[in-house]
Amino acid sequence: MYGDDMLEIDMDSKYGILFVRLFGELTKRTRKKLNNEVGELIKNVGILNVVFNLENVNIMDDSGFKTLVKYYNMCNKNHGNSIICLSKNKFNVDLKKFNVVSDELSAVRLVNLIST
């Protein structure tokens, strides 16, 4: 695997939330694929709430983390509530800026709670 092949992206939209399930590596080498598929969607459609499921990401470097922060800021600019990361924080990054939950159902509940 090299570059874009090292990251698989599965997207689904339910309950007014874009669910982005990532598999593989979120690194400097793969962020372009994420930007092309997800970043453009957030920017062009005006997505308010995104859930990034990081459970199947085995490597995330500083560049991948900064990409998630960028999407957080884009959603806030769209007057969205938050980006919610699903992770056991197996990465050495500070997820305090994000709402971290254990599963997608909890993410839906949190988005609904924040939206009211």
C-alpha atoms as a PDB file:
ATOM      1  CA  MET A   1       0.000   0.000   0.000  1.00  0.00           C
ATOM      2  CA  TYR A   2       1.203   3.476  -0.757  1.00  0.00           C
ATOM      3  CA  GLY A   3      -0.347   6.914  -0.301  1.00  0.00           C
ATOM      4  CA  ASP A   4      -4.079   6.986  -0.924  1.00  0.00           C
ATOM      5  CA  ASP A   5      -4.270   3.174  -0.815  1.00  0.00           C
ATOM      6  CA  MET A   6      -3.342   3.323   2.871  1.00  0.00           C
ATOM      7  CA  LEU A   7      -6.646   4.984   3.804  1.00  0.00           C
ATOM      8  CA  GLU A   8     -10.138   3.721   3.128  1.00  0.00           C
ATOM      9  CA  ILE A   9     -13.126   6.000   3.675  1.00  0.00           C
ATOM     10  CA  ASP A  10     -16.719   4.901   4.179  1.00  0.00           C
ATOM     11  CA  MET A  11     -19.298   7.706   4.403  1.00  0.00           C
ATOM     12  CA  ASP A  12     -22.935   7.610   5.373  1.00  0.00           C
ATOM     13  CA  SER A  13     -25.413  10.347   6.207  1.00  0.00           C
ATOM     14  CA  LYS A  14     -28.138   9.779   8.803  1.00  0.00           C
ATOM     15  CA  TYR A  15     -30.077  11.997  11.171  1.00  0.00           C
ATOM     16  CA  GLY A  16     -28.474  15.139   9.710  1.00  0.00           C
ATOM     17  CA  ILE A  17     -25.013  13.831  10.561  1.00  0.00           C
ATOM     18  CA  LEU A  18     -22.219  12.832   8.194  1.00  0.00           C
ATOM     19  CA  PHE A  19     -20.586   9.648   9.466  1.00  0.00           C
ATOM     20  CA  VAL A  20     -17.042   9.160   8.213  1.00  0.00           C
ATOM     21  CA  ARG A  21     -15.531   5.772   8.988  1.00  0.00           C
ATOM     22  CA  LEU A  22     -11.791   5.644   8.405  1.00  0.00           C
ATOM     23  CA  PHE A  23      -9.704   2.504   7.936  1.00  0.00           C
ATOM     24  CA  GLY A  24      -5.912   2.399   7.794  1.00  0.00           C
ATOM     25  CA  GLU A  25      -3.631   5.389   8.180  1.00  0.00           C
ATOM     26  CA  LEU A  26      -4.461   9.073   8.621  1.00  0.00           C
ATOM     27  CA  THR A  27      -1.126  10.675   7.819  1.00  0.00           C
ATOM     28  CA  LYS A  28       0.519  13.327   5.698  1.00  0.00           C
ATOM     29  CA  ARG A  29       0.535  10.815   2.841  1.00  0.00           C
ATOM     30  CA  THR A  30      -3.213  10.087   3.043  1.00  0.00           C
ATOM     31  CA  ARG A  31      -4.749  13.415   4.072  1.00  0.00           C
ATOM     32  CA  LYS A  32      -5.145  14.493   0.430  1.00  0.00           C
ATOM     33  CA  LYS A  33      -7.618  11.655  -0.127  1.00  0.00           C
ATOM     34  CA  LEU A  34      -9.549  12.708   2.979  1.00  0.00           C
ATOM     35  CA  ASN A  35      -9.529  16.332   1.822  1.00  0.00           C
ATOM     36  CA  ASN A  36     -10.786  15.373  -1.644  1.00  0.00           C
ATOM     37  CA  GLU A  37     -13.600  13.144  -0.428  1.00  0.00           C
ATOM     38  CA  VAL A  38     -14.668  14.645   2.898  1.00  0.00           C
ATOM     39  CA  GLY A  39     -13.255  18.162   3.067  1.00  0.00           C
ATOM     40  CA  GLU A  40     -14.849  19.215  -0.190  1.00  0.00           C
ATOM     41  CA  LEU A  41     -18.196  17.800   0.934  1.00  0.00           C
ATOM     42  CA  ILE A  42     -18.093  19.713   4.232  1.00  0.00           C
ATOM     43  CA  LYS A  43     -17.111  22.908   2.461  1.00  0.00           C
ATOM     44  CA  ASN A  44     -19.448  22.716  -0.542  1.00  0.00           C
ATOM     45  CA  VAL A  45     -22.545  21.261   1.124  1.00  0.00           C
ATOM     46  CA  GLY A  46     -22.198  23.097   4.422  1.00  0.00           C
ATOM     47  CA  ILE A  47     -22.204  20.028   6.643  1.00  0.00           C
ATOM     48  CA  LEU A  48     -22.874  20.949  10.273  1.00  0.00           C
ATOM     49  CA  ASN A  49     -22.198  17.717  12.141  1.00  0.00           C
ATOM     50  CA  VAL A  50     -19.555  15.137  11.342  1.00  0.00           C
ATOM     51  CA  VAL A  51     -18.698  11.987  13.235  1.00  0.00           C
ATOM     52  CA  PHE A  52     -15.245  10.625  12.501  1.00  0.00           C
ATOM     53  CA  ASN A  53     -15.006   6.992  13.503  1.00  0.00           C
ATOM     54  CA  LEU A  54     -11.311   6.396  14.185  1.00  0.00           C
ATOM     55  CA  GLU A  55     -11.643   2.915  15.659  1.00  0.00           C
ATOM     56  CA  ASN A  56     -10.058   1.286  12.603  1.00  0.00           C
ATOM     57  CA  VAL A  57      -7.296   3.844  12.134  1.00  0.00           C
ATOM     58  CA  ASN A  58      -4.046   2.250  13.162  1.00  0.00           C
ATOM     59  CA  ILE A  59      -1.723   5.223  12.539  1.00  0.00           C
ATOM     60  CA  MET A  60      -2.446   8.944  12.854  1.00  0.00           C
ATOM     61  CA  ASP A  61       0.345  11.480  12.707  1.00  0.00           C
ATOM     62  CA  ASP A  62       0.321  15.192  13.495  1.00  0.00           C
ATOM     63  CA  SER A  63      -0.711  16.030   9.942  1.00  0.00           C
ATOM     64  CA  GLY A  64      -3.751  13.733  10.149  1.00  0.00           C
ATOM     65  CA  PHE A  65      -4.727  15.256  13.473  1.00  0.00           C
ATOM     66  CA  LYS A  66      -4.418  18.789  12.062  1.00  0.00           C
ATOM     67  CA  THR A  67      -6.729  17.733   9.244  1.00  0.00           C
ATOM     68  CA  LEU A  68      -9.392  16.759  11.808  1.00  0.00           C
ATOM     69  CA  VAL A  69      -8.929  20.135  13.541  1.00  0.00           C
ATOM     70  CA  LYS A  70      -9.418  21.837  10.162  1.00  0.00           C
ATOM     71  CA  TYR A  71     -12.746  20.033   9.694  1.00  0.00           C
ATOM     72  CA  TYR A  72     -13.777  20.971  13.232  1.00  0.00           C
ATOM     73  CA  ASN A  73     -13.187  24.629  12.357  1.00  0.00           C
ATOM     74  CA  MET A  74     -15.042  24.272   9.041  1.00  0.00           C
ATOM     75  CA  CYS A  75     -18.114  22.822  10.791  1.00  0.00           C
ATOM     76  CA  ASN A  76     -18.063  25.614  13.353  1.00  0.00           C
ATOM     77  CA  LYS A  77     -17.833  28.158  10.525  1.00  0.00           C
ATOM     78  CA  ASN A  78     -20.965  26.517   9.070  1.00  0.00           C
ATOM     79  CA  HIS A  79     -22.589  27.105  12.505  1.00  0.00           C
ATOM     80  CA  GLY A  80     -22.445  23.417  13.285  1.00  0.00           C
ATOM     81  CA  ASN A  81     -22.183  21.963  16.712  1.00  0.00           C
ATOM     82  CA  SER A  82     -19.080  19.836  16.639  1.00  0.00           C
ATOM     83  CA  ILE A  83     -17.050  17.058  15.195  1.00  0.00           C
ATOM     84  CA  ILE A  84     -17.225  13.954  17.302  1.00  0.00           C
ATOM     85  CA  CYS A  85     -14.324  11.526  17.237  1.00  0.00           C
ATOM     86  CA  LEU A  86     -14.821   7.923  18.129  1.00  0.00           C
ATOM     87  CA  SER A  87     -11.631   6.628  19.583  1.00  0.00           C
ATOM     88  CA  LYS A  88     -10.084   5.122  22.618  1.00  0.00           C
ATOM     89  CA  ASN A  89      -7.365   7.740  21.995  1.00  0.00           C
ATOM     90  CA  LYS A  90      -4.808   5.187  21.009  1.00  0.00           C
ATOM     91  CA  PHE A  91      -2.911   8.062  19.401  1.00  0.00           C
ATOM     92  CA  ASN A  92      -0.662  10.515  21.155  1.00  0.00           C
ATOM     93  CA  VAL A  93      -2.889  13.530  20.406  1.00  0.00           C
ATOM     94  CA  ASP A  94      -4.955  15.872  22.534  1.00  0.00           C
ATOM     95  CA  LEU A  95      -8.636  15.233  21.746  1.00  0.00           C
ATOM     96  CA  LYS A  96      -9.929  17.737  24.332  1.00  0.00           C
ATOM     97  CA  LYS A  97     -11.177  20.035  21.570  1.00  0.00           C
ATOM     98  CA  PHE A  98     -13.463  17.280  20.327  1.00  0.00           C
ATOM     99  CA  ASN A  99     -16.384  15.466  21.865  1.00  0.00           C
ATOM    100  CA  VAL A 100     -15.147  11.903  22.226  1.00  0.00           C
ATOM    101  CA  VAL A 101     -17.709   9.119  22.467  1.00  0.00           C
ATOM    102  CA  SER A 102     -17.486   5.345  22.416  1.00  0.00           C
ATOM    103  CA  ASP A 103     -19.904   4.515  19.580  1.00  0.00           C
ATOM    104  CA  GLU A 104     -21.973   6.089  16.816  1.00  0.00           C
ATOM    105  CA  LEU A 105     -25.264   5.847  18.730  1.00  0.00           C
ATOM    106  CA  SER A 106     -23.704   7.910  21.522  1.00  0.00           C
ATOM    107  CA  ALA A 107     -22.574  10.400  18.881  1.00  0.00           C
ATOM    108  CA  VAL A 108     -26.146  10.774  17.590  1.00  0.00           C
ATOM    109  CA  ARG A 109     -27.400  11.340  21.132  1.00  0.00           C
ATOM    110  CA  LEU A 110     -24.720  13.947  21.777  1.00  0.00           C
ATOM    111  CA  VAL A 111     -25.429  15.833  18.544  1.00  0.00           C
ATOM    112  CA  ASN A 112     -29.137  15.883  19.417  1.00  0.00           C
ATOM    113  CA  LEU A 113     -28.340  17.110  22.922  1.00  0.00           C
ATOM    114  CA  ILE A 114     -26.056  19.875  21.647  1.00  0.00           C
ATOM    115  CA  SER A 115     -28.580  20.898  18.962  1.00  0.00           C
ATOM    116  CA  THR A 116     -31.392  21.505  21.430  1.00  0.00           C
END
